[in-house]
N, C-alpha and C. Protein backbone atom coordinates (compact mmCIF):
# COMPACT_ATOMS: atom_id res chain seq x y z
N MET A 1 132.03 77.91 85.97
CA MET A 1 131.64 79.07 86.72
C MET A 1 130.32 78.74 87.38
N ASN A 2 130.16 78.93 88.70
CA ASN A 2 128.96 78.60 89.44
C ASN A 2 127.96 79.74 89.43
N THR A 3 126.86 79.43 88.53
CA THR A 3 125.89 80.48 88.20
C THR A 3 124.95 80.69 89.38
N ASN A 4 124.91 79.62 90.30
CA ASN A 4 124.01 79.72 91.49
C ASN A 4 124.59 80.52 92.66
N LYS A 5 125.91 80.99 92.49
CA LYS A 5 126.50 81.67 93.51
C LYS A 5 125.77 82.93 93.90
N LYS A 6 125.45 83.10 95.20
CA LYS A 6 124.60 84.21 95.60
C LYS A 6 125.44 85.61 95.70
N GLU A 7 124.83 86.63 95.34
CA GLU A 7 125.54 87.89 95.51
C GLU A 7 125.71 88.28 96.90
N LYS A 8 126.77 89.02 97.16
CA LYS A 8 127.07 89.57 98.56
C LYS A 8 126.86 91.02 98.57
N TYR A 9 126.08 91.50 99.48
CA TYR A 9 125.78 92.97 99.68
C TYR A 9 126.04 93.40 101.11
N HIS A 10 126.49 94.57 101.18
CA HIS A 10 126.57 95.24 102.40
C HIS A 10 125.07 95.49 102.92
N ALA A 11 124.79 95.41 104.23
CA ALA A 11 123.47 95.48 104.70
C ALA A 11 122.56 96.67 104.11
N SER A 12 123.24 97.79 104.11
CA SER A 12 122.48 99.01 103.76
C SER A 12 122.36 98.95 102.17
N ASP A 13 123.41 98.36 101.51
CA ASP A 13 123.28 98.34 100.06
C ASP A 13 122.02 97.35 99.68
N LEU A 14 121.98 96.33 100.35
CA LEU A 14 120.94 95.30 100.09
C LEU A 14 119.57 95.91 100.34
N LYS A 15 119.39 96.60 101.44
CA LYS A 15 118.14 97.28 101.73
C LYS A 15 117.69 98.22 100.69
N LEU A 16 118.61 99.03 100.18
CA LEU A 16 118.28 99.91 99.06
C LEU A 16 118.00 99.16 97.80
N SER A 17 118.75 98.13 97.55
CA SER A 17 118.63 97.32 96.37
C SER A 17 117.17 96.66 96.34
N ILE A 18 116.73 96.25 97.50
CA ILE A 18 115.45 95.65 97.63
C ILE A 18 114.33 96.60 97.29
N ILE A 19 114.56 97.89 97.84
CA ILE A 19 113.49 98.88 97.58
C ILE A 19 113.52 99.23 96.09
N LYS A 20 114.61 99.39 95.62
CA LYS A 20 114.79 99.71 94.13
C LYS A 20 114.13 98.63 93.20
N MET A 21 114.48 97.35 93.50
CA MET A 21 113.83 96.22 92.74
C MET A 21 112.36 96.14 92.88
N ALA A 22 111.82 96.26 94.12
CA ALA A 22 110.47 96.18 94.45
C ALA A 22 109.73 97.35 93.67
N SER A 23 110.33 98.55 93.58
CA SER A 23 109.85 99.77 92.77
C SER A 23 109.73 99.42 91.41
N GLU A 24 110.80 98.76 90.83
CA GLU A 24 110.68 98.43 89.44
C GLU A 24 109.47 97.46 89.13
N LEU A 25 109.41 96.36 89.97
CA LEU A 25 108.30 95.48 89.77
C LEU A 25 106.89 96.25 89.85
N LEU A 26 106.91 97.15 90.88
CA LEU A 26 105.66 97.90 91.00
C LEU A 26 105.34 98.72 89.79
N MET A 27 106.34 99.36 89.21
CA MET A 27 106.16 100.20 87.97
C MET A 27 105.85 99.49 86.77
N ASP A 28 106.56 98.28 86.64
CA ASP A 28 106.46 97.47 85.42
C ASP A 28 105.33 96.42 85.47
N GLU A 29 105.08 95.96 86.51
CA GLU A 29 104.04 94.70 86.58
C GLU A 29 102.93 94.89 87.57
N GLY A 30 103.02 95.88 88.45
CA GLY A 30 101.85 96.15 89.37
C GLY A 30 102.31 95.65 90.83
N ILE A 31 101.50 95.88 91.72
CA ILE A 31 101.72 95.67 93.20
C ILE A 31 101.72 94.22 93.41
N GLU A 32 100.82 93.51 92.71
CA GLU A 32 100.78 92.04 92.97
C GLU A 32 102.11 91.33 92.58
N ALA A 33 102.80 91.87 91.65
CA ALA A 33 104.21 91.22 91.25
C ALA A 33 105.25 91.25 92.40
N ILE A 34 104.98 92.16 93.28
CA ILE A 34 106.05 92.19 94.45
C ILE A 34 105.89 91.13 95.51
N THR A 35 106.93 90.26 95.44
CA THR A 35 107.01 89.20 96.42
C THR A 35 108.38 89.10 96.87
N MET A 36 108.66 88.71 98.15
CA MET A 36 109.94 88.66 98.64
C MET A 36 110.75 87.59 97.85
N ARG A 37 110.07 86.50 97.41
CA ARG A 37 110.74 85.52 96.56
C ARG A 37 111.27 85.97 95.37
N GLU A 38 110.44 86.71 94.69
CA GLU A 38 110.66 87.25 93.34
C GLU A 38 111.93 88.24 93.47
N ILE A 39 111.79 89.07 94.53
CA ILE A 39 112.93 90.08 94.70
C ILE A 39 114.25 89.35 95.00
N ALA A 40 114.24 88.31 95.72
CA ALA A 40 115.44 87.56 96.17
C ALA A 40 115.98 86.99 94.87
N THR A 41 115.13 86.41 93.98
CA THR A 41 115.60 85.77 92.85
C THR A 41 116.15 86.83 91.79
N LYS A 42 115.67 88.02 91.68
CA LYS A 42 116.12 89.00 90.75
C LYS A 42 117.52 89.62 91.35
N LEU A 43 117.67 89.66 92.65
CA LEU A 43 118.91 90.15 93.22
C LEU A 43 119.93 89.08 93.43
N ASN A 44 119.42 87.84 93.23
CA ASN A 44 120.30 86.72 93.36
C ASN A 44 120.88 86.60 94.79
N VAL A 45 120.00 86.75 95.66
CA VAL A 45 120.25 86.53 97.21
C VAL A 45 119.35 85.34 97.71
N SER A 46 119.67 85.03 98.91
CA SER A 46 118.94 83.96 99.45
C SER A 46 117.43 84.38 99.75
N ARG A 47 116.46 83.46 99.82
CA ARG A 47 115.14 83.79 99.91
C ARG A 47 114.79 84.55 101.27
N GLY A 48 115.58 84.17 102.33
CA GLY A 48 115.45 84.84 103.58
C GLY A 48 116.06 86.21 103.72
N ALA A 49 116.88 86.65 102.63
CA ALA A 49 117.62 87.88 102.77
C ALA A 49 116.73 89.14 102.84
N PRO A 50 115.73 89.15 102.04
CA PRO A 50 114.88 90.41 102.06
C PRO A 50 114.19 90.55 103.44
N TYR A 51 113.84 89.45 104.11
CA TYR A 51 113.14 89.44 105.43
C TYR A 51 114.06 89.92 106.55
N ARG A 52 115.36 90.05 106.25
CA ARG A 52 116.21 90.56 107.42
C ARG A 52 116.05 92.13 107.47
N HIS A 53 115.46 92.67 106.37
CA HIS A 53 115.21 94.04 106.35
C HIS A 53 113.76 94.47 106.40
N PHE A 54 112.90 93.63 105.88
CA PHE A 54 111.48 93.88 105.84
C PHE A 54 110.74 92.71 106.29
N ASP A 55 109.91 92.84 107.48
CA ASP A 55 109.43 91.44 107.89
C ASP A 55 108.00 91.16 107.14
N SER A 56 107.66 92.04 106.30
CA SER A 56 106.35 91.79 105.52
C SER A 56 106.38 92.66 104.25
N LYS A 57 105.47 92.21 103.38
CA LYS A 57 105.33 93.07 102.12
C LYS A 57 104.86 94.45 102.47
N HIS A 58 104.08 94.48 103.43
CA HIS A 58 103.45 95.84 103.90
C HIS A 58 104.57 96.74 104.30
N HIS A 59 105.63 96.32 105.06
CA HIS A 59 106.60 97.18 105.53
C HIS A 59 107.52 97.55 104.28
N LEU A 60 107.66 96.70 103.39
CA LEU A 60 108.37 96.96 102.20
C LEU A 60 107.71 98.08 101.36
N LEU A 61 106.38 97.97 101.23
CA LEU A 61 105.63 98.99 100.50
C LEU A 61 105.76 100.34 101.20
N CYS A 62 105.69 100.38 102.53
CA CYS A 62 105.83 101.61 103.26
C CYS A 62 107.32 102.19 103.02
N ALA A 63 108.29 101.32 102.87
CA ALA A 63 109.69 101.76 102.66
C ALA A 63 109.79 102.42 101.14
N ILE A 64 109.03 101.80 100.21
CA ILE A 64 109.03 102.36 98.89
C ILE A 64 108.43 103.73 98.94
N ALA A 65 107.19 103.89 99.48
CA ALA A 65 106.64 105.19 99.58
C ALA A 65 107.49 106.24 100.29
N GLN A 66 108.13 105.76 101.40
CA GLN A 66 109.03 106.71 102.11
C GLN A 66 110.14 107.18 101.23
N HIS A 67 110.88 106.21 100.59
CA HIS A 67 111.89 106.52 99.74
C HIS A 67 111.52 107.56 98.71
N TYR A 68 110.32 107.51 98.10
CA TYR A 68 109.96 108.36 97.03
C TYR A 68 109.36 109.68 97.58
N PHE A 69 108.89 109.68 98.87
CA PHE A 69 108.59 110.91 99.41
C PHE A 69 109.82 111.75 99.61
N GLU A 70 110.97 111.08 100.07
CA GLU A 70 112.23 111.75 100.26
C GLU A 70 112.74 112.31 98.99
N ARG A 71 112.49 111.54 97.90
CA ARG A 71 113.12 112.07 96.62
C ARG A 71 112.27 113.24 96.09
N LEU A 72 111.06 113.19 96.22
CA LEU A 72 110.18 114.32 95.89
C LEU A 72 110.59 115.53 96.79
N ASN A 73 110.72 115.22 97.89
CA ASN A 73 111.03 116.49 98.92
C ASN A 73 112.28 117.14 98.60
N THR A 74 113.33 116.26 98.11
CA THR A 74 114.61 116.72 97.85
C THR A 74 114.52 117.61 96.53
N SER A 75 113.79 117.11 95.53
CA SER A 75 113.61 117.76 94.26
C SER A 75 112.89 119.15 94.55
N MET A 76 112.01 119.35 95.56
CA MET A 76 111.46 120.55 95.81
C MET A 76 112.39 121.54 96.54
N LEU A 77 113.17 120.86 97.44
CA LEU A 77 114.18 121.69 98.10
C LEU A 77 115.02 122.39 97.20
N ILE A 78 115.48 121.71 96.17
CA ILE A 78 116.41 122.29 95.05
C ILE A 78 115.64 123.36 94.40
N THR A 79 114.40 123.21 94.11
CA THR A 79 113.57 124.26 93.40
C THR A 79 113.58 125.43 94.24
N THR A 80 113.40 125.42 95.59
CA THR A 80 113.20 126.55 96.38
C THR A 80 114.37 127.17 96.96
N VAL A 81 115.66 126.70 96.59
CA VAL A 81 116.86 127.29 97.07
C VAL A 81 117.07 128.73 96.66
N VAL A 82 116.79 129.12 95.40
CA VAL A 82 117.03 130.33 94.86
C VAL A 82 115.65 131.24 95.01
N GLU A 83 115.86 132.40 95.54
CA GLU A 83 114.75 133.22 95.69
C GLU A 83 114.22 133.69 94.31
N VAL A 84 112.84 133.51 93.98
CA VAL A 84 112.24 133.83 92.80
C VAL A 84 110.98 134.61 93.10
N ASP A 85 110.27 135.00 92.03
CA ASP A 85 108.89 135.63 92.23
C ASP A 85 108.01 134.59 92.97
N PRO A 86 107.29 135.00 93.99
CA PRO A 86 106.50 134.06 94.78
C PRO A 86 105.63 133.23 94.04
N LYS A 87 104.85 133.76 93.02
CA LYS A 87 104.03 133.02 92.19
C LYS A 87 104.71 131.97 91.40
N LYS A 88 105.92 132.38 90.86
CA LYS A 88 106.73 131.26 90.17
C LYS A 88 107.20 130.25 91.07
N GLU A 89 107.56 130.66 92.44
CA GLU A 89 108.08 129.74 93.22
C GLU A 89 107.03 128.71 93.57
N LEU A 90 105.75 129.01 93.82
CA LEU A 90 104.76 128.08 94.15
C LEU A 90 104.56 127.25 92.91
N TYR A 91 104.49 127.87 91.71
CA TYR A 91 104.33 127.07 90.47
C TYR A 91 105.25 126.08 90.32
N GLN A 92 106.56 126.34 90.58
CA GLN A 92 107.70 125.34 90.40
C GLN A 92 107.44 124.16 91.32
N LEU A 93 107.08 124.48 92.53
CA LEU A 93 106.82 123.41 93.53
C LEU A 93 105.63 122.56 93.00
N ALA A 94 104.63 123.20 92.56
CA ALA A 94 103.53 122.48 92.07
C ALA A 94 103.69 121.59 90.88
N GLU A 95 104.67 122.23 89.98
CA GLU A 95 104.97 121.41 88.68
C GLU A 95 105.78 120.28 89.08
N LYS A 96 106.77 120.35 90.07
CA LYS A 96 107.49 119.12 90.41
C LYS A 96 106.62 118.08 90.97
N TYR A 97 105.60 118.46 91.69
CA TYR A 97 104.52 117.51 92.08
C TYR A 97 103.82 116.85 91.07
N ILE A 98 103.44 117.56 90.15
CA ILE A 98 102.66 117.20 88.96
C ILE A 98 103.63 116.23 88.02
N ASP A 99 104.71 116.78 87.85
CA ASP A 99 105.68 115.90 87.01
C ASP A 99 105.99 114.53 87.58
N PHE A 100 106.22 114.51 88.89
CA PHE A 100 106.45 113.20 89.68
C PHE A 100 105.25 112.34 89.37
N CYS A 101 104.03 112.90 89.53
CA CYS A 101 102.77 112.04 89.31
C CYS A 101 102.90 111.39 87.88
N LEU A 102 103.20 112.29 86.84
CA LEU A 102 103.09 111.79 85.58
C LEU A 102 104.18 110.83 85.24
N SER A 103 105.36 111.04 85.81
CA SER A 103 106.48 110.16 85.50
C SER A 103 106.52 108.90 86.44
N HIS A 104 105.86 108.92 87.55
CA HIS A 104 105.84 107.64 88.40
C HIS A 104 104.34 107.32 88.83
N PRO A 105 103.44 107.13 87.93
CA PRO A 105 102.02 106.92 88.28
C PRO A 105 101.84 105.87 89.27
N ALA A 106 102.39 104.66 89.18
CA ALA A 106 102.18 103.50 90.09
C ALA A 106 102.72 103.92 91.61
N ILE A 107 103.88 104.61 91.59
CA ILE A 107 104.50 105.08 92.78
C ILE A 107 103.61 106.08 93.49
N TYR A 108 103.18 106.95 92.63
CA TYR A 108 102.11 108.04 93.20
C TYR A 108 100.84 107.46 93.77
N HIS A 109 100.42 106.49 93.10
CA HIS A 109 99.21 105.80 93.67
C HIS A 109 99.48 105.07 94.87
N LEU A 110 100.57 104.52 95.00
CA LEU A 110 101.04 103.83 96.25
C LEU A 110 101.15 104.88 97.43
N MET A 111 101.83 106.02 97.13
CA MET A 111 102.00 107.08 98.18
C MET A 111 100.87 107.76 98.64
N PHE A 112 99.82 107.95 97.76
CA PHE A 112 98.74 108.80 98.04
C PHE A 112 97.34 108.22 98.11
N ASN A 113 97.34 107.05 97.30
CA ASN A 113 95.91 106.51 97.03
C ASN A 113 95.66 105.06 97.51
N ASN A 114 96.77 104.51 98.18
CA ASN A 114 96.65 103.07 98.69
C ASN A 114 96.13 103.07 100.09
N SER A 115 94.89 102.63 100.25
CA SER A 115 94.17 102.77 101.54
C SER A 115 94.79 101.95 102.62
N GLU A 116 95.51 100.80 102.16
CA GLU A 116 96.11 99.97 103.16
C GLU A 116 97.32 100.63 103.83
N LEU A 117 98.06 101.28 103.02
CA LEU A 117 99.21 102.17 103.53
C LEU A 117 98.66 103.35 104.33
N SER A 118 97.74 103.98 103.83
CA SER A 118 97.29 105.23 104.51
C SER A 118 96.81 104.96 105.82
N ASN A 119 96.26 103.80 106.05
CA ASN A 119 95.60 103.38 107.34
C ASN A 119 96.50 102.72 108.35
N ASN A 120 97.76 102.35 107.80
CA ASN A 120 98.68 101.65 108.60
C ASN A 120 100.10 101.97 108.26
N GLN A 121 100.52 103.20 108.46
CA GLN A 121 101.78 103.62 108.06
C GLN A 121 102.89 103.40 109.04
N THR A 122 104.02 103.16 108.66
CA THR A 122 105.16 103.13 109.58
C THR A 122 105.53 104.59 110.02
N SER A 123 106.13 104.78 111.13
CA SER A 123 106.37 106.14 111.67
C SER A 123 107.44 106.91 110.75
N GLU A 124 108.22 106.10 109.96
CA GLU A 124 109.12 106.67 109.13
C GLU A 124 108.44 107.28 107.81
N LEU A 125 107.33 106.45 107.46
CA LEU A 125 106.48 106.94 106.26
C LEU A 125 105.86 108.20 106.61
N THR A 126 105.17 108.22 107.78
CA THR A 126 104.40 109.41 108.22
C THR A 126 105.34 110.63 108.29
N ALA A 127 106.49 110.46 108.87
CA ALA A 127 107.42 111.59 108.99
C ALA A 127 107.80 112.12 107.68
N SER A 128 108.11 111.19 106.67
CA SER A 128 108.55 111.74 105.34
C SER A 128 107.44 112.42 104.64
N GLY A 129 106.12 111.93 104.87
CA GLY A 129 105.00 112.61 104.26
C GLY A 129 104.83 113.95 104.85
N TYR A 130 104.94 114.11 106.13
CA TYR A 130 104.74 115.50 106.95
C TYR A 130 105.84 116.41 106.39
N LYS A 131 107.00 115.90 106.23
CA LYS A 131 108.18 116.81 105.73
C LYS A 131 107.84 117.51 104.49
N LEU A 132 107.19 116.75 103.56
CA LEU A 132 106.83 117.32 102.32
C LEU A 132 105.73 118.36 102.48
N PHE A 133 104.78 117.95 103.31
CA PHE A 133 103.55 118.94 103.62
C PHE A 133 104.10 120.22 104.32
N ASN A 134 105.04 120.06 105.19
CA ASN A 134 105.62 121.23 105.91
C ASN A 134 106.35 122.12 105.11
N ARG A 135 106.98 121.58 103.99
CA ARG A 135 107.63 122.41 103.06
C ARG A 135 106.65 123.45 102.35
N LEU A 136 105.41 122.87 102.04
CA LEU A 136 104.36 123.75 101.54
C LEU A 136 103.98 124.72 102.49
N GLU A 137 103.75 124.36 103.79
CA GLU A 137 103.31 125.31 104.87
C GLU A 137 104.34 126.37 104.98
N THR A 138 105.65 126.03 105.00
CA THR A 138 106.73 127.02 105.14
C THR A 138 106.74 128.10 104.01
N LEU A 139 106.45 127.59 102.91
CA LEU A 139 106.38 128.47 101.73
C LEU A 139 105.15 129.52 101.83
N LEU A 140 103.95 128.90 102.18
CA LEU A 140 102.86 129.79 102.40
C LEU A 140 103.05 130.75 103.49
N GLU A 141 103.62 130.26 104.53
CA GLU A 141 103.93 131.25 105.67
C GLU A 141 104.87 132.36 105.18
N LYS A 142 105.85 132.11 104.52
CA LYS A 142 106.68 133.15 103.91
C LYS A 142 105.78 134.23 103.13
N PHE A 143 104.97 133.69 102.26
CA PHE A 143 104.10 134.54 101.45
C PHE A 143 103.08 135.37 102.33
N GLN A 144 102.65 134.84 103.50
CA GLN A 144 101.82 135.51 104.46
C GLN A 144 102.57 136.70 104.97
N GLN A 145 103.75 136.33 105.44
CA GLN A 145 104.57 137.37 106.17
C GLN A 145 104.94 138.52 105.23
N ALA A 146 105.04 138.34 103.87
CA ALA A 146 105.30 139.27 103.00
C ALA A 146 103.98 139.97 102.49
N SER A 147 102.75 139.66 103.11
CA SER A 147 101.57 140.23 102.72
C SER A 147 101.14 139.96 101.25
N ILE A 148 101.55 138.75 100.72
CA ILE A 148 101.28 138.48 99.44
C ILE A 148 99.91 137.61 99.31
N ILE A 149 99.63 136.88 100.26
CA ILE A 149 98.48 135.98 100.25
C ILE A 149 97.74 136.21 101.50
N LYS A 150 96.46 135.76 101.46
CA LYS A 150 95.66 136.03 102.63
C LYS A 150 96.12 135.61 104.00
N GLN A 151 95.87 136.25 105.10
CA GLN A 151 96.25 135.89 106.41
C GLN A 151 95.29 134.86 106.98
N GLU A 152 95.39 133.56 106.73
CA GLU A 152 94.63 132.54 107.15
C GLU A 152 95.33 131.40 107.86
N ASN A 153 94.67 130.62 108.37
CA ASN A 153 95.29 129.35 109.00
C ASN A 153 96.20 128.69 108.00
N ILE A 154 97.49 128.62 108.27
CA ILE A 154 98.45 128.03 107.52
C ILE A 154 98.21 126.61 107.05
N ASN A 155 97.84 125.90 108.04
CA ASN A 155 97.47 124.31 107.77
C ASN A 155 96.40 124.23 106.86
N LEU A 156 95.34 125.02 106.98
CA LEU A 156 94.19 125.01 106.11
C LEU A 156 94.50 125.43 104.73
N GLN A 157 95.31 126.43 104.67
CA GLN A 157 95.68 126.96 103.31
C GLN A 157 96.58 125.85 102.53
N ALA A 158 97.46 125.24 103.30
CA ALA A 158 98.27 124.14 102.75
C ALA A 158 97.41 122.92 102.30
N ASN A 159 96.39 122.72 103.08
CA ASN A 159 95.50 121.59 102.78
C ASN A 159 94.66 122.03 101.57
N TYR A 160 94.27 123.22 101.35
CA TYR A 160 93.60 123.68 100.19
C TYR A 160 94.56 123.47 98.83
N VAL A 161 95.85 123.94 98.99
CA VAL A 161 96.73 123.80 97.86
C VAL A 161 96.93 122.23 97.53
N TRP A 162 97.22 121.58 98.50
CA TRP A 162 97.53 120.14 98.47
C TRP A 162 96.44 119.30 97.79
N SER A 163 95.16 119.58 98.31
CA SER A 163 94.02 118.93 97.80
C SER A 163 93.72 119.18 96.40
N ALA A 164 93.90 120.57 96.02
CA ALA A 164 93.67 120.89 94.55
C ALA A 164 94.64 120.14 93.68
N LEU A 165 95.95 120.16 94.04
CA LEU A 165 97.05 119.44 93.35
C LEU A 165 96.67 118.03 93.21
N HIS A 166 96.42 117.45 94.31
CA HIS A 166 96.14 116.03 94.39
C HIS A 166 95.01 115.63 93.51
N GLY A 167 93.90 116.47 93.57
CA GLY A 167 92.71 116.24 92.64
C GLY A 167 93.00 116.30 91.20
N TYR A 168 93.74 117.28 90.83
CA TYR A 168 94.34 117.49 89.57
C TYR A 168 95.12 116.30 89.10
N CYS A 169 96.03 115.70 89.97
CA CYS A 169 96.87 114.62 89.62
C CYS A 169 96.09 113.37 89.49
N CYS A 170 95.04 113.24 90.33
CA CYS A 170 94.07 112.10 90.16
C CYS A 170 93.49 112.05 88.79
N LEU A 171 93.07 113.18 88.33
CA LEU A 171 92.35 113.31 87.01
C LEU A 171 93.41 112.83 85.95
N LEU A 172 94.65 113.20 86.13
CA LEU A 172 95.70 112.87 85.13
C LEU A 172 95.91 111.31 85.06
N LEU A 173 95.88 110.73 86.29
CA LEU A 173 96.08 109.26 86.38
C LEU A 173 94.99 108.40 85.88
N TYR A 174 93.66 108.79 86.12
CA TYR A 174 92.64 107.99 85.99
C TYR A 174 91.61 108.24 84.81
N GLN A 175 91.98 109.31 83.95
CA GLN A 175 91.19 109.70 82.92
C GLN A 175 91.71 108.97 81.67
N GLU A 176 90.89 108.94 80.59
CA GLU A 176 91.36 108.48 79.29
C GLU A 176 92.33 109.35 78.71
N THR A 177 93.11 108.85 77.72
CA THR A 177 94.38 109.59 77.33
C THR A 177 93.95 111.02 76.72
N LYS A 178 93.09 111.10 75.89
CA LYS A 178 92.67 112.36 75.35
C LYS A 178 92.37 113.48 76.41
N LYS A 179 91.60 113.01 77.42
CA LYS A 179 91.24 113.99 78.46
C LYS A 179 92.57 114.38 79.26
N VAL A 180 93.36 113.40 79.35
CA VAL A 180 94.68 113.68 80.12
C VAL A 180 95.51 114.69 79.31
N GLU A 181 95.58 114.52 78.01
CA GLU A 181 96.32 115.45 77.14
C GLU A 181 95.72 116.86 77.31
N LYS A 182 94.42 117.11 77.41
CA LYS A 182 93.81 118.32 77.50
C LYS A 182 94.13 118.92 78.84
N LEU A 183 94.01 118.14 79.88
CA LEU A 183 94.32 118.59 81.31
C LEU A 183 95.76 119.03 81.35
N VAL A 184 96.74 118.37 80.81
CA VAL A 184 98.17 118.64 80.82
C VAL A 184 98.30 120.06 80.08
N THR A 185 97.77 120.07 78.97
CA THR A 185 97.79 121.32 78.10
C THR A 185 97.25 122.64 78.94
N ASN A 186 96.23 122.27 79.69
CA ASN A 186 95.69 123.52 80.45
C ASN A 186 96.08 123.52 81.88
N LYS A 187 97.30 122.89 82.13
CA LYS A 187 97.77 122.98 83.45
C LYS A 187 97.89 124.32 84.18
N LYS A 188 98.22 125.30 83.32
CA LYS A 188 98.46 126.69 83.86
C LYS A 188 97.04 127.15 84.39
N PHE A 189 95.96 126.92 83.71
CA PHE A 189 94.67 127.23 84.14
C PHE A 189 94.40 126.84 85.57
N PHE A 190 94.68 125.56 85.94
CA PHE A 190 94.51 125.01 87.27
C PHE A 190 95.42 125.63 88.22
N LEU A 191 96.59 125.92 87.86
CA LEU A 191 97.55 126.54 88.78
C LEU A 191 97.10 127.97 89.13
N ASP A 192 96.66 128.61 88.00
CA ASP A 192 96.19 130.04 88.18
C ASP A 192 95.05 130.13 89.19
N LYS A 193 94.16 129.03 89.06
CA LYS A 193 93.01 129.09 89.99
C LYS A 193 93.47 128.91 91.50
N ILE A 194 94.32 128.00 91.68
CA ILE A 194 94.87 127.75 92.98
C ILE A 194 95.59 129.09 93.67
N TRP A 195 96.37 129.81 92.72
CA TRP A 195 97.07 131.04 93.15
C TRP A 195 96.10 132.09 93.48
N LYS A 196 95.06 132.26 92.60
CA LYS A 196 94.13 133.34 92.81
C LYS A 196 93.30 133.12 94.12
N GLY A 197 93.10 131.77 94.40
CA GLY A 197 92.39 131.43 95.78
C GLY A 197 93.13 131.80 96.93
N LEU A 198 94.48 132.06 96.81
CA LEU A 198 95.37 132.48 97.90
C LEU A 198 95.46 134.03 98.06
N LEU A 199 95.36 134.74 96.87
CA LEU A 199 95.66 136.11 96.91
C LEU A 199 94.72 136.90 97.70
N ILE A 200 95.21 137.97 98.27
CA ILE A 200 94.33 138.96 99.01
C ILE A 200 93.51 139.67 97.94
N ASN A 201 92.27 139.82 98.19
CA ASN A 201 91.25 140.41 97.20
C ASN A 201 91.54 141.96 97.14
């Protein structure tokens, strides 16, 4: 048996396989472990194969972030399909965001806290990020129309909620374990503060 025989992939399958393999390397070993050569070796394809889909590591990292933005957006879409109590609906969306941060810390850092990606995004990554943010804006707009929350600039309201959630998630990622456990235990306190900041006085 020829153990050096290279795997054959359909183009779209290989692209997704590269993204998934790079994601695994990121989560298991860190961003420095992601190289085109290492990915080609692990997928048993030629060294040039990854470059047919991503001309640089930067574009691959953008694709990883885009992939997970789309996954997070899909999970939030499922959450908001059924009409529920408005407060519960916002909390469900927020909890999806927090759960994602806790279960994918390295990916979350790449998506939201990597300055190189933030300053030089692909158009696809930018669009996927806006799609997620627009979901929050749409939810808040619905609450405004129902006179549940303050009649304020939707974009500013959404940025308020997003920045509060992002700040909370950063505390979860970068604090010592005992402090993180306390923050997770008191998650409802933080969500209640966000909700009260939106309500009509």
